[in-house]
N, C-alpha and C. Protein backbone atom coordinates (compact mmCIF):
# COMPACT_ATOMS: atom_id res chain seq x y z
N MET A 1 132.03 -174.77 -99.33
CA MET A 1 131.57 -174.11 -98.12
C MET A 1 130.99 -175.19 -97.18
N LYS A 2 131.34 -175.10 -95.93
CA LYS A 2 130.83 -176.06 -94.95
C LYS A 2 129.35 -175.81 -94.70
N LEU A 3 128.68 -176.86 -94.25
CA LEU A 3 127.24 -176.78 -94.02
C LEU A 3 126.90 -175.68 -93.00
N GLN A 4 127.66 -175.58 -91.93
CA GLN A 4 127.37 -174.56 -90.90
C GLN A 4 127.52 -173.16 -91.48
N GLU A 5 128.56 -172.94 -92.29
CA GLU A 5 128.75 -171.63 -92.93
C GLU A 5 127.60 -171.33 -93.89
N LEU A 6 127.19 -172.36 -94.61
CA LEU A 6 126.09 -172.22 -95.56
C LEU A 6 124.80 -171.84 -94.83
N LYS A 7 124.52 -172.55 -93.74
CA LYS A 7 123.32 -172.25 -92.94
C LYS A 7 123.37 -170.82 -92.41
N ALA A 8 124.53 -170.42 -91.88
CA ALA A 8 124.67 -169.08 -91.33
C ALA A 8 124.42 -168.02 -92.39
N LYS A 9 124.95 -168.24 -93.59
CA LYS A 9 124.76 -167.29 -94.68
C LYS A 9 123.29 -167.21 -95.09
N VAL A 10 122.64 -168.36 -95.18
CA VAL A 10 121.22 -168.41 -95.56
C VAL A 10 120.39 -167.68 -94.51
N TYR A 11 120.62 -167.99 -93.24
CA TYR A 11 119.87 -167.32 -92.16
C TYR A 11 120.07 -165.81 -92.21
N GLU A 12 121.31 -165.40 -92.45
CA GLU A 12 121.60 -163.97 -92.51
C GLU A 12 120.87 -163.29 -93.67
N LEU A 13 120.95 -163.91 -94.84
CA LEU A 13 120.27 -163.35 -96.02
C LEU A 13 118.76 -163.27 -95.82
N ALA A 14 118.21 -164.31 -95.20
CA ALA A 14 116.76 -164.37 -95.02
C ALA A 14 116.31 -163.55 -93.82
N GLY A 15 117.24 -163.25 -92.91
CA GLY A 15 116.87 -162.49 -91.72
C GLY A 15 116.07 -163.32 -90.73
N VAL A 16 116.42 -164.60 -90.62
CA VAL A 16 115.73 -165.51 -89.70
C VAL A 16 116.74 -166.23 -88.82
N ASN A 17 116.22 -167.02 -87.86
CA ASN A 17 117.09 -167.73 -86.93
C ASN A 17 117.00 -169.24 -87.01
N ASN A 18 115.98 -169.76 -87.69
CA ASN A 18 115.83 -171.21 -87.77
C ASN A 18 115.11 -171.60 -89.06
N THR A 19 115.09 -172.91 -89.32
CA THR A 19 114.49 -173.40 -90.57
C THR A 19 112.98 -173.19 -90.62
N LYS A 20 112.33 -173.25 -89.48
CA LYS A 20 110.88 -173.03 -89.45
C LYS A 20 110.55 -171.61 -89.95
N GLN A 21 111.28 -170.63 -89.44
CA GLN A 21 111.07 -169.25 -89.89
C GLN A 21 111.44 -169.11 -91.36
N LEU A 22 112.51 -169.79 -91.77
CA LEU A 22 112.97 -169.74 -93.15
C LEU A 22 111.90 -170.26 -94.10
N LYS A 23 111.33 -171.40 -93.79
CA LYS A 23 110.30 -172.00 -94.64
C LYS A 23 109.02 -171.17 -94.65
N ALA A 24 108.73 -170.53 -93.53
CA ALA A 24 107.53 -169.69 -93.46
C ALA A 24 107.70 -168.43 -94.31
N LYS A 25 108.92 -168.01 -94.49
CA LYS A 25 109.19 -166.77 -95.20
C LYS A 25 109.18 -166.93 -96.73
N ASN A 26 109.47 -168.14 -97.21
CA ASN A 26 109.61 -168.31 -98.65
C ASN A 26 108.92 -169.60 -99.11
N GLN A 27 107.99 -169.48 -100.03
CA GLN A 27 107.20 -170.62 -100.53
C GLN A 27 108.08 -171.65 -101.25
N GLU A 28 109.07 -171.18 -102.00
CA GLU A 28 109.91 -172.09 -102.79
C GLU A 28 110.72 -173.04 -101.89
N ILE A 29 110.96 -172.64 -100.67
CA ILE A 29 111.81 -173.40 -99.76
C ILE A 29 111.01 -174.43 -98.97
N LYS A 30 109.70 -174.27 -98.89
CA LYS A 30 108.86 -175.13 -98.05
C LYS A 30 109.03 -176.62 -98.34
N THR A 31 109.23 -176.97 -99.58
CA THR A 31 109.29 -178.39 -99.95
C THR A 31 110.68 -179.00 -99.83
N LEU A 32 111.69 -178.18 -99.57
CA LEU A 32 113.06 -178.69 -99.50
C LEU A 32 113.33 -179.40 -98.17
N ASP A 33 114.16 -180.43 -98.24
CA ASP A 33 114.57 -181.18 -97.05
C ASP A 33 115.83 -180.52 -96.50
N MET A 34 115.68 -179.77 -95.42
CA MET A 34 116.78 -178.96 -94.90
C MET A 34 117.83 -179.78 -94.15
N ARG A 35 117.70 -181.09 -94.17
CA ARG A 35 118.73 -181.95 -93.59
C ARG A 35 119.86 -182.16 -94.59
N LEU A 36 119.60 -181.80 -95.85
CA LEU A 36 120.58 -182.03 -96.92
C LEU A 36 121.31 -180.75 -97.29
N LYS A 37 122.58 -180.88 -97.56
CA LYS A 37 123.40 -179.73 -97.94
C LYS A 37 122.91 -179.14 -99.27
N THR A 38 122.47 -180.00 -100.17
CA THR A 38 121.99 -179.50 -101.47
C THR A 38 120.76 -178.60 -101.30
N SER A 39 119.94 -178.91 -100.31
CA SER A 39 118.77 -178.06 -100.06
C SER A 39 119.21 -176.68 -99.58
N TRP A 40 120.24 -176.66 -98.76
CA TRP A 40 120.76 -175.38 -98.29
C TRP A 40 121.38 -174.58 -99.44
N GLU A 41 122.06 -175.28 -100.35
CA GLU A 41 122.64 -174.62 -101.52
C GLU A 41 121.55 -174.05 -102.42
N LYS A 42 120.47 -174.83 -102.62
CA LYS A 42 119.34 -174.34 -103.41
C LYS A 42 118.70 -173.12 -102.74
N THR A 43 118.56 -173.21 -101.42
CA THR A 43 117.97 -172.09 -100.67
C THR A 43 118.81 -170.83 -100.84
N LEU A 44 120.12 -170.98 -100.76
CA LEU A 44 121.01 -169.83 -100.94
C LEU A 44 120.82 -169.22 -102.33
N ALA A 45 120.75 -170.09 -103.34
CA ALA A 45 120.54 -169.61 -104.71
C ALA A 45 119.20 -168.88 -104.84
N ILE A 46 118.18 -169.44 -104.22
CA ILE A 46 116.85 -168.81 -104.26
C ILE A 46 116.88 -167.43 -103.60
N LEU A 47 117.56 -167.34 -102.47
CA LEU A 47 117.62 -166.06 -101.75
C LEU A 47 118.48 -165.03 -102.47
N GLN A 48 119.52 -165.48 -103.17
CA GLN A 48 120.41 -164.55 -103.86
C GLN A 48 119.85 -164.09 -105.20
N LYS A 49 118.95 -164.84 -105.77
CA LYS A 49 118.38 -164.52 -107.08
C LYS A 49 117.74 -163.13 -107.11
N PRO A 50 116.81 -162.81 -106.20
CA PRO A 50 116.21 -161.47 -106.26
C PRO A 50 117.24 -160.36 -106.07
N GLN A 51 118.23 -160.61 -105.23
CA GLN A 51 119.25 -159.61 -104.99
C GLN A 51 120.04 -159.34 -106.27
N GLY A 52 120.38 -160.40 -106.99
CA GLY A 52 121.11 -160.26 -108.25
C GLY A 52 120.29 -159.54 -109.30
N GLU A 53 119.01 -159.86 -109.38
CA GLU A 53 118.12 -159.20 -110.33
C GLU A 53 118.01 -157.71 -110.03
N PHE A 54 117.93 -157.38 -108.75
CA PHE A 54 117.81 -155.98 -108.37
C PHE A 54 119.10 -155.22 -108.71
N GLU A 55 120.24 -155.85 -108.48
CA GLU A 55 121.51 -155.20 -108.81
C GLU A 55 121.62 -154.95 -110.31
N LYS A 56 121.16 -155.92 -111.12
CA LYS A 56 121.17 -155.73 -112.58
C LYS A 56 120.23 -154.58 -112.97
N TRP A 57 119.07 -154.53 -112.31
CA TRP A 57 118.11 -153.46 -112.60
C TRP A 57 118.70 -152.11 -112.23
N LEU A 58 119.42 -152.06 -111.10
CA LEU A 58 120.04 -150.81 -110.67
C LEU A 58 121.08 -150.30 -111.66
N GLU A 59 121.77 -151.23 -112.32
CA GLU A 59 122.79 -150.84 -113.30
C GLU A 59 122.18 -150.11 -114.48
N ASN A 60 120.96 -150.46 -114.85
CA ASN A 60 120.30 -149.83 -115.99
C ASN A 60 118.80 -149.69 -115.72
N PRO A 61 118.42 -148.79 -114.81
CA PRO A 61 116.99 -148.63 -114.52
C PRO A 61 116.29 -147.85 -115.64
N PRO A 62 114.97 -147.92 -115.67
CA PRO A 62 114.22 -147.12 -116.66
C PRO A 62 114.50 -145.63 -116.46
N GLU A 63 114.28 -144.89 -117.52
CA GLU A 63 114.61 -143.46 -117.53
C GLU A 63 113.93 -142.70 -116.38
N GLU A 64 112.66 -143.01 -116.11
CA GLU A 64 111.93 -142.30 -115.05
C GLU A 64 112.61 -142.50 -113.68
N TYR A 65 113.19 -143.67 -113.47
CA TYR A 65 113.87 -143.94 -112.20
C TYR A 65 115.24 -143.25 -112.16
N LYS A 66 115.88 -143.14 -113.32
CA LYS A 66 117.16 -142.43 -113.38
C LYS A 66 116.98 -141.00 -112.89
N ASP A 67 115.88 -140.36 -113.33
CA ASP A 67 115.60 -138.99 -112.90
C ASP A 67 115.37 -138.94 -111.39
N ILE A 68 114.63 -139.90 -110.88
CA ILE A 68 114.35 -139.94 -109.43
C ILE A 68 115.64 -140.17 -108.66
N PHE A 69 116.46 -141.12 -109.12
CA PHE A 69 117.73 -141.39 -108.44
C PHE A 69 118.63 -140.16 -108.47
N SER A 70 118.60 -139.46 -109.58
CA SER A 70 119.39 -138.24 -109.72
C SER A 70 118.92 -137.19 -108.70
N GLU A 71 117.61 -137.04 -108.59
CA GLU A 71 117.06 -136.10 -107.61
C GLU A 71 117.41 -136.51 -106.19
N ILE A 72 117.33 -137.80 -105.91
CA ILE A 72 117.67 -138.30 -104.57
C ILE A 72 119.13 -137.98 -104.25
N THR A 73 120.00 -138.22 -105.21
CA THR A 73 121.43 -137.93 -105.02
C THR A 73 121.64 -136.45 -104.76
N GLU A 74 120.98 -135.61 -105.55
CA GLU A 74 121.12 -134.16 -105.39
C GLU A 74 120.62 -133.70 -104.03
N VAL A 75 119.45 -134.18 -103.63
CA VAL A 75 118.88 -133.81 -102.34
C VAL A 75 119.76 -134.31 -101.20
N SER A 76 120.28 -135.50 -101.36
CA SER A 76 121.16 -136.08 -100.35
C SER A 76 122.42 -135.24 -100.18
N GLN A 77 122.99 -134.80 -101.28
CA GLN A 77 124.19 -133.97 -101.23
C GLN A 77 123.88 -132.63 -100.56
N LYS A 78 122.73 -132.03 -100.91
CA LYS A 78 122.34 -130.78 -100.28
C LYS A 78 122.13 -130.95 -98.79
N TYR A 79 121.51 -132.09 -98.42
CA TYR A 79 121.29 -132.38 -97.01
C TYR A 79 122.63 -132.48 -96.26
N GLU A 80 123.57 -133.19 -96.84
CA GLU A 80 124.89 -133.33 -96.21
C GLU A 80 125.55 -131.97 -96.04
N GLN A 81 125.43 -131.13 -97.06
CA GLN A 81 126.02 -129.80 -97.00
C GLN A 81 125.35 -128.97 -95.89
N LYS A 82 124.03 -128.97 -95.87
CA LYS A 82 123.31 -128.22 -94.84
C LYS A 82 123.59 -128.77 -93.46
N SER A 83 123.70 -130.07 -93.36
CA SER A 83 124.00 -130.71 -92.08
C SER A 83 125.37 -130.26 -91.58
N ALA A 84 126.35 -130.21 -92.47
CA ALA A 84 127.69 -129.76 -92.08
C ALA A 84 127.65 -128.29 -91.66
N GLN A 85 126.91 -127.47 -92.39
CA GLN A 85 126.78 -126.06 -92.02
C GLN A 85 126.11 -125.92 -90.66
N THR A 86 125.09 -126.70 -90.42
CA THR A 86 124.37 -126.66 -89.14
C THR A 86 125.30 -127.05 -88.00
N LYS A 87 126.09 -128.10 -88.20
CA LYS A 87 127.04 -128.52 -87.17
C LYS A 87 128.04 -127.41 -86.87
N GLN A 88 128.51 -126.74 -87.90
CA GLN A 88 129.45 -125.63 -87.71
C GLN A 88 128.78 -124.50 -86.94
N LEU A 89 127.54 -124.17 -87.29
CA LEU A 89 126.83 -123.11 -86.59
C LEU A 89 126.58 -123.47 -85.13
N VAL A 90 126.27 -124.73 -84.88
CA VAL A 90 126.06 -125.18 -83.50
C VAL A 90 127.34 -125.00 -82.70
N GLN A 91 128.47 -125.35 -83.30
CA GLN A 91 129.75 -125.16 -82.61
C GLN A 91 129.99 -123.69 -82.29
N GLU A 92 129.69 -122.82 -83.24
CA GLU A 92 129.86 -121.39 -83.03
C GLU A 92 128.94 -120.87 -81.92
N VAL A 93 127.69 -121.33 -81.94
CA VAL A 93 126.73 -120.92 -80.91
C VAL A 93 127.19 -121.39 -79.53
N LEU A 94 127.69 -122.61 -79.45
CA LEU A 94 128.19 -123.12 -78.16
C LEU A 94 129.38 -122.30 -77.67
N LEU A 95 130.26 -121.92 -78.58
CA LEU A 95 131.41 -121.09 -78.22
C LEU A 95 130.95 -119.73 -77.70
N ILE A 96 129.99 -119.15 -78.39
CA ILE A 96 129.44 -117.85 -77.95
C ILE A 96 128.77 -117.99 -76.59
N ALA A 97 128.01 -119.06 -76.40
CA ALA A 97 127.34 -119.29 -75.12
C ALA A 97 128.35 -119.44 -73.99
N ASN A 98 129.42 -120.18 -74.25
CA ASN A 98 130.46 -120.33 -73.23
C ASN A 98 131.11 -118.98 -72.90
N ASN A 99 131.37 -118.17 -73.92
CA ASN A 99 131.95 -116.84 -73.69
C ASN A 99 131.00 -115.97 -72.89
N LEU A 100 129.70 -116.05 -73.19
CA LEU A 100 128.72 -115.28 -72.45
C LEU A 100 128.65 -115.71 -70.99
N GLU A 101 128.77 -117.01 -70.76
CA GLU A 101 128.78 -117.51 -69.39
C GLU A 101 129.97 -116.96 -68.63
N GLU A 102 131.13 -116.96 -69.27
CA GLU A 102 132.33 -116.41 -68.63
C GLU A 102 132.15 -114.92 -68.32
N LEU A 103 131.59 -114.18 -69.27
CA LEU A 103 131.36 -112.75 -69.05
C LEU A 103 130.36 -112.53 -67.91
N ALA A 104 129.33 -113.36 -67.87
CA ALA A 104 128.34 -113.24 -66.80
C ALA A 104 128.99 -113.51 -65.45
N GLU A 105 129.84 -114.52 -65.38
CA GLU A 105 130.53 -114.82 -64.13
C GLU A 105 131.44 -113.67 -63.72
N GLN A 106 132.16 -113.11 -64.69
CA GLN A 106 133.02 -111.97 -64.40
C GLN A 106 132.20 -110.78 -63.92
N GLY A 107 131.07 -110.54 -64.58
CA GLY A 107 130.18 -109.44 -64.18
C GLY A 107 129.65 -109.66 -62.78
N GLN A 108 129.29 -110.91 -62.46
CA GLN A 108 128.79 -111.23 -61.12
C GLN A 108 129.89 -111.02 -60.08
N ASP A 109 131.12 -111.43 -60.40
CA ASP A 109 132.24 -111.22 -59.49
C ASP A 109 132.47 -109.73 -59.24
N GLU A 110 132.43 -108.94 -60.31
CA GLU A 110 132.61 -107.49 -60.16
C GLU A 110 131.48 -106.89 -59.33
N ALA A 111 130.26 -107.34 -59.57
CA ALA A 111 129.12 -106.84 -58.79
C ALA A 111 129.29 -107.18 -57.32
N ASN A 112 129.74 -108.39 -57.02
CA ASN A 112 129.97 -108.78 -55.62
C ASN A 112 131.05 -107.92 -55.00
N LYS A 113 132.12 -107.63 -55.72
CA LYS A 113 133.20 -106.77 -55.21
C LYS A 113 132.68 -105.36 -54.92
N ILE A 114 131.86 -104.85 -55.84
CA ILE A 114 131.30 -103.50 -55.65
C ILE A 114 130.39 -103.49 -54.43
N LYS A 115 129.59 -104.53 -54.24
CA LYS A 115 128.73 -104.62 -53.06
C LYS A 115 129.57 -104.61 -51.79
N GLN A 116 130.67 -105.37 -51.81
CA GLN A 116 131.54 -105.40 -50.65
C GLN A 116 132.14 -104.02 -50.38
N GLU A 117 132.57 -103.36 -51.45
CA GLU A 117 133.15 -102.02 -51.30
C GLU A 117 132.12 -101.04 -50.75
N ILE A 118 130.88 -101.15 -51.25
CA ILE A 118 129.81 -100.26 -50.75
C ILE A 118 129.57 -100.53 -49.27
N GLU A 119 129.53 -101.79 -48.91
CA GLU A 119 129.31 -102.15 -47.50
C GLU A 119 130.44 -101.62 -46.63
N ILE A 120 131.67 -101.77 -47.09
CA ILE A 120 132.82 -101.25 -46.33
C ILE A 120 132.76 -99.73 -46.23
N THR A 121 132.40 -99.10 -47.34
CA THR A 121 132.30 -97.63 -47.34
C THR A 121 131.21 -97.17 -46.38
N ARG A 122 130.08 -97.87 -46.34
CA ARG A 122 129.00 -97.52 -45.40
C ARG A 122 129.48 -97.66 -43.95
N ARG A 123 130.18 -98.74 -43.66
CA ARG A 123 130.68 -98.94 -42.30
C ARG A 123 131.65 -97.83 -41.90
N ILE A 124 132.56 -97.52 -42.83
CA ILE A 124 133.53 -96.45 -42.54
C ILE A 124 132.81 -95.13 -42.35
N SER A 125 131.84 -94.86 -43.22
CA SER A 125 131.08 -93.62 -43.13
C SER A 125 130.31 -93.56 -41.81
N LYS A 126 129.70 -94.66 -41.43
CA LYS A 126 128.95 -94.74 -40.19
C LYS A 126 129.88 -94.55 -38.98
N GLN A 127 131.04 -95.17 -39.04
CA GLN A 127 132.03 -95.08 -37.96
C GLN A 127 132.52 -93.63 -37.87
N ALA A 128 132.69 -92.97 -39.02
CA ALA A 128 133.18 -91.60 -39.01
C ALA A 128 132.14 -90.67 -38.44
N ARG A 129 130.85 -90.92 -38.72
CA ARG A 129 129.79 -90.09 -38.15
C ARG A 129 129.69 -90.27 -36.65
N LEU A 130 129.94 -91.48 -36.17
CA LEU A 130 129.87 -91.74 -34.74
C LEU A 130 131.03 -91.10 -33.99
N ASN A 131 132.15 -90.92 -34.60
CA ASN A 131 133.30 -90.32 -33.94
C ASN A 131 133.16 -88.87 -33.97
């Protein structure tokens, strides 16, 4: 791996942008000479070590954590199911709301037509009384 690639990977793993931040974040790295490629390789190993240990722990956690993880998985699945149901209900409500808007517009149009007819009928009636 080239030095630049190595540096980029180390910075990404550590979540920093420069060597000063990197050294401030980890005590084991403070004494390393970051001008050397071997120091960057050691830093990468140091940063990957906790991640590897955690992955091994996840493969076989203590029984109490297995129960918790099981509950988390179950709750997560229920949440996904409820979320999907909620999204479906929202779509249905929006469809109903759109239909109600259309009906309201149609009702308003009919009301306006009836008002016009009443006005015309009044004029005709008034004209007939005057004749």
